Amino acid sequence: MSQPSAPSDAPAGGTAPRRTTRTGTRRPLARFLLRRIAAAVLLGFGITLVTFVLTNLVPGDPVTANLGQSALGDPAIVARFRAEHGLDKPLPAQYLTYLGGLLQGDLGMSQQSHRPVLQDLAEFVPATIELAGGAIAISLVAGVAFGVVAALRRDRLSDQVLRVISLVGISVPTFWLALVAFYVFFFRLQITPGSGRIAPDMSAPPDVTGLYTIDAALAGQWDVFSSAVGHLITPALVLAAYTIGLLTRFTRSAVLEVLGQDYVRAARAKGLPGRVILFRYVLRSALVPIITVAGLAFGSLLSGTVLVESVFARPGIGQYAYKSATTLDLPAVMGVGLVVGAVYVLINLVVDILYGIIDPRVRLS
């Protein structure tokens, strides 16, 4: 009697089965990330070109905006100013010069502050990032929580109240809300600090990141940290009002859509706890549209900070951009445009990466 042959991994057709290795499962995610990073680099190059072209198409002459009337009457002074700032060259040559400086980390010299634009941005950008970061953190916590509660209690009183609140947050102008908040909570009730980033009698913490809250915590200066947080809360809440309303409505819609899916009904039929169904099935599936809205909202917050910074006298990129635009300080305007564009590209890259991590179908497509 012949001995039974050893079991073979090959099927009847004779071809070996395709084995899934741990490395193979990671390749789609790696390819997905490389594609997104390459796209971000190309977008960054496009931003430099668009920013340069649009800035130079703005009506007005930077020579007229920066030189006085007496200086404009002297052709030698005008020619010296144009030659000093490269305005006597054709636009393609100016762009190549600008791009070469960017590759070396040189954004040009501000015509108003007479300092490198990069130095100006390093001073003003952290204040805006601190304000926008605090606003988006408040928006994510409040907006997602309100949206989930509204979806779970659909058409009840709490749902109606939250929908009205979200509508008010979207409809109220940010500038008007900032004025009202400053007048009521600081001037009348005196329960919030005034303008600025910290109390006037305090010194700024040692500069590490430029964010007063983080730098004060790193230095162990908890009184400065408390003052920085107190000065941040009111403008961050004002700036977050619109985003909270937006996230509340989108989260409610996304959660309601997921709650009607068959796999959620199957999970309920199996007797799984409501907490497990909510966090493991519902929220994970609803995160994709929520992340999309949150990413776009953070980018828009940077452009909306100019109004809030004006009311609360916070030195940030919004104030810097306004002053640069009114004086036609082209290097500074282009520097601000690059920063805002880079933030949008970075946020979109992070959103795409989160897409690939949360939903495997995205990275396999």
Protein backbone atom coordinates (compact mmCIF):
# COMPACT_ATOMS: atom_id res chain seq x y z
CA MET A 1 0.00 0.00 0.00
CA SER A 2 1.45 3.30 -0.98
CA GLN A 3 1.96 5.92 1.68
CA PRO A 4 -0.22 9.06 1.39
CA SER A 5 1.68 11.93 -0.08
CA ALA A 6 2.43 14.97 2.00
CA PRO A 7 -0.14 17.74 1.71
CA SER A 8 0.81 20.29 -0.86
CA ASP A 9 0.17 24.03 -0.75
CA ALA A 10 -0.34 24.09 -4.50
CA PRO A 11 -3.89 23.86 -5.84
CA ALA A 12 -5.00 21.38 -8.45
CA GLY A 13 -3.97 23.69 -11.29
CA GLY A 14 -0.36 23.49 -10.15
CA THR A 15 0.16 27.15 -9.41
CA ALA A 16 1.28 28.13 -5.97
CA PRO A 17 -1.15 30.20 -3.92
CA ARG A 18 -0.49 33.87 -3.52
CA ARG A 19 0.77 34.47 -0.03
CA THR A 20 0.02 37.70 1.75
CA THR A 21 3.00 38.91 3.69
CA ARG A 22 3.16 41.63 6.26
CA THR A 23 5.27 43.68 3.87
CA GLY A 24 2.73 43.26 1.09
CA THR A 25 -0.07 44.64 3.19
CA ARG A 26 1.97 47.76 3.87
CA ARG A 27 2.87 48.50 0.25
CA PRO A 28 -0.49 50.04 -0.72
CA LEU A 29 -0.25 52.49 2.19
CA ALA A 30 3.37 53.35 1.30
CA ARG A 31 2.48 53.95 -2.34
CA PHE A 32 -0.51 56.03 -1.25
CA LEU A 33 1.69 58.21 0.98
CA LEU A 34 4.34 58.68 -1.73
CA ARG A 35 1.70 59.79 -4.22
CA ARG A 36 0.25 62.29 -1.79
CA ILE A 37 3.69 63.68 -0.84
CA ALA A 38 4.62 64.07 -4.52
CA ALA A 39 1.34 65.88 -5.16
CA ALA A 40 2.00 68.17 -2.18
CA VAL A 41 5.43 69.10 -3.59
CA LEU A 42 3.92 69.96 -6.98
CA LEU A 43 1.19 72.00 -5.29
CA GLY A 44 3.85 73.88 -3.34
CA PHE A 45 5.62 74.82 -6.56
CA GLY A 46 2.30 75.91 -8.08
CA ILE A 47 1.59 78.08 -5.04
CA THR A 48 4.85 79.98 -5.52
CA LEU A 49 3.95 80.72 -9.16
CA VAL A 50 0.33 81.72 -8.47
CA THR A 51 1.31 83.87 -5.49
CA PHE A 52 3.99 85.68 -7.46
CA VAL A 53 1.78 86.33 -10.49
CA LEU A 54 -1.29 87.46 -8.54
CA THR A 55 0.76 89.72 -6.28
CA ASN A 56 2.33 91.50 -9.25
CA LEU A 57 -1.05 91.89 -10.94
CA VAL A 58 -2.42 93.94 -8.03
CA PRO A 59 -3.21 97.51 -9.18
CA GLY A 60 -0.80 100.08 -7.88
CA ASP A 61 2.89 100.81 -7.90
CA PRO A 62 4.99 99.72 -4.90
CA VAL A 63 7.36 102.61 -5.60
CA THR A 64 4.52 105.10 -5.16
CA ALA A 65 3.29 103.31 -2.03
CA ASN A 66 6.69 103.23 -0.32
CA LEU A 67 8.30 106.52 -1.38
CA GLY A 68 7.00 109.90 -0.45
CA GLN A 69 5.89 112.52 -2.95
CA SER A 70 9.14 114.40 -2.66
CA ALA A 71 11.17 111.28 -3.42
CA LEU A 72 8.98 110.41 -6.41
CA GLY A 73 10.07 113.61 -8.09
CA ASP A 74 13.71 112.47 -8.11
CA PRO A 75 14.32 109.90 -10.89
CA ALA A 76 17.59 108.80 -9.29
CA ILE A 77 15.86 107.81 -6.05
CA VAL A 78 13.13 105.95 -7.95
CA ALA A 79 15.70 104.09 -10.08
CA ARG A 80 17.71 103.19 -6.97
CA PHE A 81 14.60 101.85 -5.23
CA ARG A 82 13.62 99.72 -8.25
CA ALA A 83 17.14 98.35 -8.60
CA GLU A 84 17.44 97.61 -4.88
CA HIS A 85 14.22 95.55 -4.85
CA GLY A 86 14.66 94.00 -8.30
CA LEU A 87 11.67 95.83 -9.77
CA ASP A 88 13.65 96.94 -12.83
CA LYS A 89 13.86 93.38 -14.17
CA PRO A 90 11.24 91.56 -16.30
CA LEU A 91 8.69 89.49 -14.39
CA PRO A 92 10.14 86.09 -15.47
CA ALA A 93 13.57 87.15 -14.23
CA GLN A 94 12.04 88.41 -10.98
CA TYR A 95 10.27 85.07 -10.49
CA LEU A 96 13.43 83.04 -11.09
CA THR A 97 15.29 85.24 -8.63
CA TYR A 98 12.48 84.84 -6.12
CA LEU A 99 12.36 81.06 -6.60
CA GLY A 100 16.12 80.79 -6.17
CA GLY A 101 15.88 82.71 -2.92
CA LEU A 102 13.07 80.44 -1.71
CA LEU A 103 15.22 77.36 -2.24
CA GLN A 104 17.79 78.98 0.06
CA GLY A 105 15.19 80.00 2.64
CA ASP A 106 15.22 83.66 1.60
CA LEU A 107 11.77 85.27 1.22
CA GLY A 108 13.16 88.68 0.45
CA MET A 109 13.37 91.91 2.45
CA SER A 110 10.30 93.69 3.71
CA GLN A 111 10.03 97.20 2.31
CA GLN A 112 8.30 98.44 5.48
CA SER A 113 10.09 96.80 8.39
CA HIS A 114 13.43 96.61 6.50
CA ARG A 115 13.89 93.15 7.93
CA PRO A 116 13.91 89.75 6.22
CA VAL A 117 10.34 88.59 5.57
CA LEU A 118 11.19 85.23 7.10
CA GLN A 119 12.14 86.98 10.35
CA ASP A 120 8.86 88.92 10.34
CA LEU A 121 6.83 85.76 9.71
CA ALA A 122 8.67 83.90 12.47
CA GLU A 123 7.52 86.63 14.84
CA PHE A 124 3.88 86.88 13.75
CA VAL A 125 2.92 83.37 12.57
CA PRO A 126 3.15 81.61 15.99
CA ALA A 127 0.51 83.94 17.47
CA THR A 128 -1.89 83.08 14.66
CA ILE A 129 -1.16 79.35 14.87
CA GLU A 130 -1.79 79.45 18.61
CA LEU A 131 -5.14 81.18 18.09
CA ALA A 132 -6.22 78.99 15.15
CA GLY A 133 -5.03 75.82 16.90
CA GLY A 134 -7.02 76.64 20.03
CA ALA A 135 -10.08 77.45 17.91
CA ILE A 136 -9.95 74.21 15.92
CA ALA A 137 -9.42 72.15 19.09
CA ILE A 138 -12.52 73.71 20.67
CA SER A 139 -14.41 73.24 17.40
CA LEU A 140 -13.58 69.55 17.09
CA VAL A 141 -14.55 68.70 20.65
CA ALA A 142 -17.73 70.78 20.73
CA GLY A 143 -18.81 70.30 17.11
CA VAL A 144 -18.41 66.53 17.02
CA ALA A 145 -20.01 66.10 20.45
CA PHE A 146 -22.98 68.31 19.53
CA GLY A 147 -23.40 66.53 16.19
CA VAL A 148 -23.39 63.07 17.75
CA VAL A 149 -25.90 64.08 20.43
CA ALA A 150 -28.15 65.69 17.81
CA ALA A 151 -28.04 62.56 15.64
CA LEU A 152 -28.70 60.14 18.51
CA ARG A 153 -31.63 62.28 19.70
CA ARG A 154 -33.03 63.04 16.29
CA ASP A 155 -36.12 65.31 16.15
CA ARG A 156 -36.20 65.66 19.94
CA LEU A 157 -35.89 68.91 21.87
CA SER A 158 -32.12 68.64 22.31
CA ASP A 159 -31.70 68.05 18.57
CA GLN A 160 -33.77 71.13 17.75
CA VAL A 161 -31.82 73.29 20.21
CA LEU A 162 -28.45 72.14 18.88
CA ARG A 163 -29.53 72.74 15.30
CA VAL A 164 -30.58 76.30 16.19
CA ILE A 165 -27.25 76.88 17.95
CA SER A 166 -25.32 75.61 14.93
CA LEU A 167 -27.35 77.84 12.62
CA VAL A 168 -26.61 80.87 14.79
CA GLY A 169 -22.90 80.03 14.85
CA ILE A 170 -22.79 79.85 11.06
CA SER A 171 -24.85 82.99 10.51
CA VAL A 172 -23.35 85.46 13.01
CA PRO A 173 -20.48 87.55 11.52
CA THR A 174 -17.20 86.85 13.26
CA PHE A 175 -16.22 90.53 13.51
CA TRP A 176 -19.53 91.49 15.19
CA LEU A 177 -19.32 88.54 17.58
CA ALA A 178 -15.77 89.51 18.52
CA LEU A 179 -16.84 93.07 19.33
CA VAL A 180 -19.79 91.87 21.42
CA ALA A 181 -17.67 89.33 23.31
CA PHE A 182 -14.97 91.89 24.05
CA TYR A 183 -17.49 94.48 25.23
CA VAL A 184 -19.59 92.13 27.37
CA PHE A 185 -17.04 89.81 28.95
CA PHE A 186 -14.12 92.25 29.35
CA PHE A 187 -15.53 95.77 29.50
CA ARG A 188 -18.84 95.15 31.27
CA LEU A 189 -18.47 91.93 33.29
CA GLN A 190 -14.64 91.98 33.58
CA ILE A 191 -14.45 88.20 33.73
CA THR A 192 -11.97 87.76 30.88
CA PRO A 193 -8.56 89.38 30.27
CA GLY A 194 -8.20 92.25 27.85
CA SER A 195 -6.22 92.55 24.65
CA GLY A 196 -2.81 91.12 23.82
CA ARG A 197 -1.35 87.68 24.40
CA ILE A 198 -0.40 88.02 28.08
CA ALA A 199 -0.90 90.55 30.87
CA PRO A 200 0.92 93.88 30.32
CA ASP A 201 2.98 93.50 33.50
CA MET A 202 4.39 90.11 32.41
CA SER A 203 7.33 89.35 30.20
CA ALA A 204 7.14 86.90 27.32
CA PRO A 205 8.47 83.40 28.09
CA PRO A 206 11.78 82.22 26.58
CA ASP A 207 11.28 81.85 22.84
CA VAL A 208 11.28 78.16 21.85
CA THR A 209 8.26 77.65 19.62
CA GLY A 210 6.81 81.17 19.61
CA LEU A 211 3.61 79.83 21.21
CA TYR A 212 3.31 81.50 24.60
CA THR A 213 1.28 78.68 26.14
CA ILE A 214 3.81 76.00 25.19
CA ASP A 215 6.91 78.11 25.87
CA ALA A 216 5.63 79.13 29.31
CA ALA A 217 4.88 75.50 30.20
CA LEU A 218 8.34 74.40 29.02
CA ALA A 219 9.95 77.12 31.15
CA GLY A 220 7.80 76.29 34.17
CA GLN A 221 6.37 79.84 34.25
CA TRP A 222 2.84 78.82 35.23
CA ASP A 223 1.68 82.36 35.94
CA VAL A 224 2.57 83.32 32.36
CA PHE A 225 0.95 80.11 31.13
CA SER A 226 -2.28 80.92 32.98
CA SER A 227 -2.28 84.46 31.60
CA ALA A 228 -1.64 83.23 28.03
CA VAL A 229 -4.49 80.71 28.26
CA GLY A 230 -6.83 83.33 29.71
CA HIS A 231 -6.05 85.74 26.88
CA LEU A 232 -6.55 82.94 24.34
CA ILE A 233 -9.94 81.54 25.42
CA THR A 234 -12.27 84.36 24.36
CA PRO A 235 -10.81 85.03 20.87
CA ALA A 236 -10.54 81.27 20.27
CA LEU A 237 -14.20 80.76 21.19
CA VAL A 238 -15.23 83.64 18.92
CA LEU A 239 -13.18 82.25 16.05
CA ALA A 240 -14.52 78.75 16.68
CA ALA A 241 -18.21 79.73 16.63
CA TYR A 242 -18.60 79.32 12.88
CA THR A 243 -16.62 76.06 12.77
CA ILE A 244 -18.60 74.58 15.67
CA GLY A 245 -21.84 75.22 13.82
CA LEU A 246 -20.42 73.75 10.62
CA LEU A 247 -19.04 70.63 12.29
CA THR A 248 -22.26 70.11 14.25
CA ARG A 249 -24.34 69.98 11.09
CA PHE A 250 -21.90 67.79 9.15
CA THR A 251 -21.39 65.40 12.06
CA ARG A 252 -25.13 65.04 12.57
CA SER A 253 -25.66 64.29 8.89
CA ALA A 254 -22.76 61.80 8.72
CA VAL A 255 -23.78 59.94 11.89
CA LEU A 256 -27.41 59.70 10.77
CA GLU A 257 -26.28 58.20 7.46
CA VAL A 258 -24.15 55.58 9.20
CA LEU A 259 -26.87 54.73 11.73
CA GLY A 260 -29.07 53.57 8.86
CA GLN A 261 -26.51 51.07 7.51
CA ASP A 262 -27.12 47.33 7.68
CA TYR A 263 -23.96 46.54 9.66
CA VAL A 264 -25.07 48.90 12.43
CA ARG A 265 -28.43 47.13 12.61
CA ALA A 266 -26.60 43.79 12.70
CA ALA A 267 -24.42 44.99 15.57
CA ARG A 268 -27.50 46.02 17.51
CA ALA A 269 -29.14 42.67 16.77
CA LYS A 270 -26.11 40.90 18.24
CA GLY A 271 -26.65 42.76 21.49
CA LEU A 272 -23.47 44.86 21.41
CA PRO A 273 -23.44 47.74 23.88
CA GLY A 274 -24.43 51.11 22.49
CA ARG A 275 -21.04 52.59 23.43
CA VAL A 276 -19.20 49.96 21.40
CA ILE A 277 -21.48 50.48 18.38
CA LEU A 278 -21.03 54.24 18.56
CA PHE A 279 -17.24 54.37 18.82
CA ARG A 280 -16.26 51.22 16.88
CA TYR A 281 -18.74 51.33 14.01
CA VAL A 282 -20.56 54.64 13.75
CA LEU A 283 -17.91 57.26 14.49
CA ARG A 284 -15.16 55.51 12.53
CA SER A 285 -17.31 55.38 9.42
CA ALA A 286 -18.43 58.98 9.86
CA LEU A 287 -14.91 60.34 10.37
CA VAL A 288 -14.07 60.78 6.68
CA PRO A 289 -16.48 63.69 5.98
CA ILE A 290 -15.79 65.12 9.44
CA ILE A 291 -12.02 65.18 8.79
CA THR A 292 -12.61 66.83 5.42
CA VAL A 293 -14.63 69.67 6.96
CA ALA A 294 -12.20 70.06 9.88
CA GLY A 295 -9.22 70.34 7.52
CA LEU A 296 -10.87 72.98 5.37
CA ALA A 297 -12.10 74.83 8.45
CA PHE A 298 -8.60 75.07 9.94
CA GLY A 299 -7.31 76.60 6.73
CA SER A 300 -10.14 79.13 6.64
CA LEU A 301 -9.48 80.03 10.28
CA LEU A 302 -6.09 81.42 9.28
CA SER A 303 -7.74 83.88 6.90
CA GLY A 304 -10.41 84.79 9.46
CA THR A 305 -7.98 85.62 12.25
CA VAL A 306 -7.32 89.12 10.89
CA LEU A 307 -10.70 90.35 12.21
CA VAL A 308 -10.38 88.69 15.61
CA GLU A 309 -6.76 89.80 15.97
CA SER A 310 -7.83 93.37 15.23
CA VAL A 311 -10.47 93.39 17.98
CA PHE A 312 -8.34 91.67 20.62
CA ALA A 313 -5.08 93.38 19.56
CA ARG A 314 -3.22 90.13 19.06
CA PRO A 315 -0.12 90.55 16.87
CA GLY A 316 -0.47 87.86 14.22
CA ILE A 317 -0.16 87.14 10.53
CA GLY A 318 -3.53 88.76 9.84
CA GLN A 319 -2.33 92.17 11.05
CA TYR A 320 0.96 91.72 9.24
CA ALA A 321 -0.82 90.84 5.97
CA TYR A 322 -3.16 93.84 6.26
CA LYS A 323 -0.35 96.33 6.78
CA SER A 324 1.70 94.75 3.99
CA ALA A 325 -1.22 94.89 1.55
CA THR A 326 -2.06 98.53 2.29
CA THR A 327 1.55 99.59 1.61
CA LEU A 328 2.07 97.24 -1.38
CA ASP A 329 4.96 95.53 0.39
CA LEU A 330 5.20 92.80 -2.28
CA PRO A 331 7.81 90.53 -0.60
CA ALA A 332 5.76 90.52 2.61
CA VAL A 333 2.48 89.88 0.75
CA MET A 334 4.03 86.98 -1.14
CA GLY A 335 5.48 85.62 2.10
CA VAL A 336 2.05 85.63 3.74
CA GLY A 337 0.53 83.98 0.66
CA LEU A 338 3.15 81.25 0.77
CA VAL A 339 2.53 80.58 4.45
CA VAL A 340 -1.24 80.31 4.02
CA GLY A 341 -0.82 78.15 0.90
CA ALA A 342 1.70 75.90 2.64
CA VAL A 343 -0.71 75.45 5.56
CA TYR A 344 -3.50 74.41 3.18
CA VAL A 345 -1.20 71.93 1.40
CA LEU A 346 0.02 70.49 4.70
CA ILE A 347 -3.52 70.15 6.05
CA ASN A 348 -4.69 68.42 2.87
CA LEU A 349 -1.73 66.06 3.10
CA VAL A 350 -2.59 65.20 6.71
CA VAL A 351 -6.25 64.71 5.75
CA ASP A 352 -5.28 62.38 2.89
CA ILE A 353 -3.04 60.36 5.20
CA LEU A 354 -5.84 60.05 7.75
CA TYR A 355 -8.14 58.92 4.93
CA GLY A 356 -5.74 56.10 4.09
CA ILE A 357 -5.40 55.04 7.72
CA ILE A 358 -9.12 55.12 8.52
CA ASP A 359 -10.52 53.74 5.26
CA PRO A 360 -8.44 51.05 3.48
CA ARG A 361 -10.50 51.51 0.32
CA VAL A 362 -8.93 54.95 -0.19
CA ARG A 363 -5.34 53.71 -0.29
CA LEU A 364 -6.24 50.72 -2.49
CA SER A 365 -8.06 52.83 -5.09
